Amino acid sequence: MTIAVNGRVDTVTAPELEAGLKFGDATCVVIDLANVPYMSSAGLRLLLSAHKTMLGKGGELQIANVQESVREVLDITGFSDILNLV
């Protein structure tokens, strides 16, 4: 299952995105960030929560097409060591 995210992921938009994340029976979920130029700590929490959800059900979460500005945030915070960036 692939979920394409568009626009900024911040304190305003993260709750809406989180409400829309429905993994169902998927064993592998790819979150495509190709169109995400900015991610705040609210977005980081959302990715970590999704990662834990998938691990809890024996699945895998992959984060794809991360823009350089978002990758820098993931690197600085150590999230790039936790999440599976593809």
N, C-alpha and C. Protein backbone atom coordinates (compact mmCIF):
# COMPACT_ATOMS: atom_id res chain seq x y z
N MET A 1 0.85 -1.16 0.00
CA MET A 1 0.00 0.00 0.00
C MET A 1 0.90 1.24 0.00
N THR A 2 0.60 2.18 -0.88
CA THR A 2 1.35 3.43 -0.93
C THR A 2 0.43 4.59 -0.59
N ILE A 3 0.93 5.46 0.28
CA ILE A 3 0.19 6.65 0.68
C ILE A 3 1.03 7.86 0.25
N ALA A 4 0.50 8.63 -0.69
CA ALA A 4 1.20 9.83 -1.17
C ALA A 4 0.73 11.03 -0.36
N VAL A 5 1.69 11.77 0.18
CA VAL A 5 1.39 12.93 1.01
C VAL A 5 1.76 14.18 0.21
N ASN A 6 0.91 15.19 0.27
CA ASN A 6 1.15 16.43 -0.47
C ASN A 6 1.13 17.62 0.48
N GLY A 7 2.12 18.48 0.35
CA GLY A 7 2.16 19.72 1.14
C GLY A 7 2.92 19.56 2.44
N ARG A 8 2.89 20.62 3.22
CA ARG A 8 3.58 20.66 4.50
C ARG A 8 2.91 19.72 5.50
N VAL A 9 3.73 19.09 6.33
CA VAL A 9 3.21 18.28 7.43
C VAL A 9 3.66 18.99 8.70
N ASP A 10 2.70 19.65 9.36
CA ASP A 10 3.00 20.43 10.55
C ASP A 10 1.87 20.25 11.56
N THR A 11 1.84 21.09 12.58
CA THR A 11 0.84 20.93 13.64
C THR A 11 -0.59 21.12 13.13
N VAL A 12 -0.75 21.85 12.04
CA VAL A 12 -2.08 22.07 11.48
C VAL A 12 -2.53 20.88 10.64
N THR A 13 -1.62 20.33 9.84
CA THR A 13 -2.01 19.29 8.89
C THR A 13 -1.79 17.86 9.40
N ALA A 14 -0.91 17.66 10.36
CA ALA A 14 -0.60 16.31 10.83
C ALA A 14 -1.82 15.57 11.40
N PRO A 15 -2.69 16.22 12.19
CA PRO A 15 -3.85 15.49 12.71
C PRO A 15 -4.77 14.97 11.59
N GLU A 16 -4.94 15.77 10.55
CA GLU A 16 -5.78 15.34 9.43
C GLU A 16 -5.14 14.15 8.71
N LEU A 17 -3.83 14.22 8.51
CA LEU A 17 -3.12 13.12 7.87
C LEU A 17 -3.20 11.86 8.73
N GLU A 18 -2.99 12.01 10.01
CA GLU A 18 -3.04 10.86 10.92
C GLU A 18 -4.42 10.19 10.90
N ALA A 19 -5.46 11.00 10.86
CA ALA A 19 -6.82 10.46 10.81
C ALA A 19 -7.06 9.68 9.52
N GLY A 20 -6.36 10.04 8.46
CA GLY A 20 -6.54 9.37 7.18
C GLY A 20 -5.67 8.14 6.99
N LEU A 21 -4.72 7.91 7.90
CA LEU A 21 -3.84 6.75 7.77
C LEU A 21 -4.56 5.50 8.25
N LYS A 22 -4.98 4.70 7.32
CA LYS A 22 -5.65 3.44 7.61
C LYS A 22 -4.85 2.33 6.94
N PHE A 23 -4.20 1.51 7.74
CA PHE A 23 -3.32 0.48 7.20
C PHE A 23 -4.03 -0.83 6.90
N GLY A 24 -5.16 -1.06 7.53
CA GLY A 24 -5.90 -2.30 7.29
C GLY A 24 -5.02 -3.51 7.51
N ASP A 25 -5.07 -4.45 6.59
CA ASP A 25 -4.29 -5.68 6.69
C ASP A 25 -2.96 -5.60 5.95
N ALA A 26 -2.57 -4.41 5.51
CA ALA A 26 -1.33 -4.26 4.75
C ALA A 26 -0.14 -4.70 5.59
N THR A 27 0.78 -5.43 4.96
CA THR A 27 2.00 -5.85 5.65
C THR A 27 3.17 -4.93 5.33
N CYS A 28 3.03 -4.14 4.27
CA CYS A 28 4.05 -3.16 3.91
C CYS A 28 3.35 -1.88 3.45
N VAL A 29 3.67 -0.80 4.12
CA VAL A 29 3.09 0.50 3.78
C VAL A 29 4.23 1.43 3.39
N VAL A 30 4.07 2.09 2.25
CA VAL A 30 5.05 3.07 1.78
C VAL A 30 4.40 4.45 1.89
N ILE A 31 5.04 5.34 2.62
CA ILE A 31 4.58 6.72 2.68
C ILE A 31 5.49 7.52 1.75
N ASP A 32 4.89 8.05 0.68
CA ASP A 32 5.62 8.78 -0.35
C ASP A 32 5.61 10.27 -0.01
N LEU A 33 6.81 10.80 0.27
CA LEU A 33 6.94 12.21 0.67
C LEU A 33 7.49 13.09 -0.45
N ALA A 34 7.36 12.66 -1.70
CA ALA A 34 7.90 13.42 -2.83
C ALA A 34 7.38 14.85 -2.88
N ASN A 35 6.15 15.07 -2.43
CA ASN A 35 5.54 16.40 -2.49
C ASN A 35 5.43 17.05 -1.12
N VAL A 36 6.34 16.69 -0.22
CA VAL A 36 6.36 17.29 1.13
C VAL A 36 7.65 18.10 1.28
N PRO A 37 7.53 19.44 1.20
CA PRO A 37 8.73 20.28 1.30
C PRO A 37 9.15 20.60 2.73
N TYR A 38 8.23 20.35 3.70
CA TYR A 38 8.50 20.73 5.09
C TYR A 38 7.80 19.75 6.02
N MET A 39 8.51 19.39 7.12
CA MET A 39 7.90 18.53 8.13
C MET A 39 8.34 19.02 9.50
N SER A 40 7.37 19.27 10.36
CA SER A 40 7.66 19.72 11.72
C SER A 40 7.72 18.51 12.65
N SER A 41 7.91 18.78 13.93
CA SER A 41 7.95 17.70 14.91
C SER A 41 6.64 16.92 14.95
N ALA A 42 5.53 17.56 14.61
CA ALA A 42 4.24 16.86 14.56
C ALA A 42 4.27 15.78 13.48
N GLY A 43 4.90 16.08 12.36
CA GLY A 43 5.05 15.09 11.29
C GLY A 43 5.97 13.96 11.70
N LEU A 44 7.03 14.30 12.42
CA LEU A 44 7.95 13.27 12.91
C LEU A 44 7.24 12.32 13.86
N ARG A 45 6.43 12.86 14.75
CA ARG A 45 5.66 12.01 15.68
C ARG A 45 4.72 11.10 14.91
N LEU A 46 4.11 11.63 13.87
CA LEU A 46 3.20 10.83 13.04
C LEU A 46 3.94 9.67 12.38
N LEU A 47 5.12 9.93 11.82
CA LEU A 47 5.89 8.86 11.18
C LEU A 47 6.32 7.81 12.19
N LEU A 48 6.73 8.25 13.38
CA LEU A 48 7.15 7.30 14.41
C LEU A 48 5.97 6.46 14.87
N SER A 49 4.82 7.06 15.02
CA SER A 49 3.61 6.33 15.41
C SER A 49 3.23 5.30 14.34
N ALA A 50 3.30 5.70 13.08
CA ALA A 50 2.98 4.77 11.99
C ALA A 50 3.98 3.63 11.96
N HIS A 51 5.25 3.93 12.21
CA HIS A 51 6.30 2.91 12.24
C HIS A 51 6.00 1.90 13.35
N LYS A 52 5.67 2.39 14.54
CA LYS A 52 5.36 1.51 15.66
C LYS A 52 4.12 0.67 15.40
N THR A 53 3.12 1.27 14.77
CA THR A 53 1.90 0.54 14.42
C THR A 53 2.21 -0.63 13.50
N MET A 54 3.00 -0.37 12.48
CA MET A 54 3.34 -1.42 11.53
C MET A 54 4.20 -2.50 12.17
N LEU A 55 5.16 -2.11 13.00
CA LEU A 55 5.98 -3.10 13.69
C LEU A 55 5.12 -3.97 14.60
N GLY A 56 4.16 -3.35 15.27
CA GLY A 56 3.28 -4.06 16.19
C GLY A 56 2.45 -5.13 15.51
N LYS A 57 2.17 -4.95 14.23
CA LYS A 57 1.40 -5.96 13.50
C LYS A 57 2.27 -6.82 12.61
N GLY A 58 3.60 -6.75 12.84
CA GLY A 58 4.52 -7.59 12.09
C GLY A 58 4.77 -7.11 10.67
N GLY A 59 4.45 -5.85 10.41
CA GLY A 59 4.62 -5.29 9.07
C GLY A 59 5.81 -4.37 8.98
N GLU A 60 5.88 -3.66 7.88
CA GLU A 60 6.99 -2.75 7.62
C GLU A 60 6.47 -1.43 7.07
N LEU A 61 7.09 -0.35 7.53
CA LEU A 61 6.79 0.99 7.01
C LEU A 61 8.02 1.48 6.26
N GLN A 62 7.82 1.95 5.05
CA GLN A 62 8.90 2.52 4.26
C GLN A 62 8.55 3.98 3.96
N ILE A 63 9.57 4.83 4.02
CA ILE A 63 9.40 6.24 3.71
C ILE A 63 10.15 6.50 2.41
N ALA A 64 9.43 6.92 1.37
CA ALA A 64 10.01 7.05 0.03
C ALA A 64 10.05 8.49 -0.44
N ASN A 65 10.99 8.76 -1.34
CA ASN A 65 11.09 10.04 -2.06
C ASN A 65 11.16 11.25 -1.13
N VAL A 66 12.02 11.16 -0.14
CA VAL A 66 12.15 12.24 0.84
C VAL A 66 12.94 13.39 0.23
N GLN A 67 12.35 14.58 0.26
CA GLN A 67 13.03 15.78 -0.24
C GLN A 67 14.19 16.13 0.70
N GLU A 68 15.19 16.81 0.16
CA GLU A 68 16.40 17.12 0.91
C GLU A 68 16.10 17.88 2.21
N SER A 69 15.19 18.83 2.17
CA SER A 69 14.88 19.62 3.38
C SER A 69 14.30 18.74 4.48
N VAL A 70 13.48 17.78 4.12
CA VAL A 70 12.88 16.87 5.10
C VAL A 70 13.93 15.85 5.54
N ARG A 71 14.77 15.39 4.63
CA ARG A 71 15.82 14.43 4.98
C ARG A 71 16.77 15.02 6.01
N GLU A 72 17.08 16.31 5.88
CA GLU A 72 17.95 16.96 6.86
C GLU A 72 17.34 16.90 8.25
N VAL A 73 16.04 17.13 8.35
CA VAL A 73 15.35 17.06 9.64
C VAL A 73 15.41 15.63 10.18
N LEU A 74 15.17 14.65 9.32
CA LEU A 74 15.22 13.25 9.74
C LEU A 74 16.63 12.87 10.20
N ASP A 75 17.64 13.36 9.52
CA ASP A 75 19.03 13.07 9.89
C ASP A 75 19.39 13.72 11.22
N ILE A 76 19.06 15.00 11.37
CA ILE A 76 19.42 15.74 12.59
C ILE A 76 18.76 15.13 13.82
N THR A 77 17.52 14.69 13.68
CA THR A 77 16.77 14.14 14.81
C THR A 77 17.06 12.67 15.07
N GLY A 78 17.79 12.02 14.16
CA GLY A 78 18.08 10.60 14.31
C GLY A 78 16.99 9.69 13.77
N PHE A 79 15.93 10.27 13.22
CA PHE A 79 14.83 9.47 12.68
C PHE A 79 15.26 8.67 11.46
N SER A 80 16.27 9.14 10.75
CA SER A 80 16.72 8.40 9.56
C SER A 80 17.37 7.07 9.97
N ASP A 81 17.80 6.96 11.24
CA ASP A 81 18.34 5.70 11.75
C ASP A 81 17.24 4.75 12.21
N ILE A 82 16.07 5.29 12.50
CA ILE A 82 14.94 4.49 13.00
C ILE A 82 14.04 4.05 11.86
N LEU A 83 13.72 4.97 10.97
CA LEU A 83 12.79 4.70 9.88
C LEU A 83 13.50 4.08 8.68
N ASN A 84 12.75 3.36 7.89
CA ASN A 84 13.28 2.74 6.69
C ASN A 84 13.07 3.68 5.51
N LEU A 85 14.12 4.47 5.18
CA LEU A 85 14.05 5.41 4.07
C LEU A 85 14.48 4.69 2.80
N VAL A 86 13.61 4.74 1.79
CA VAL A 86 13.93 4.06 0.52
C VAL A 86 13.93 5.06 -0.62
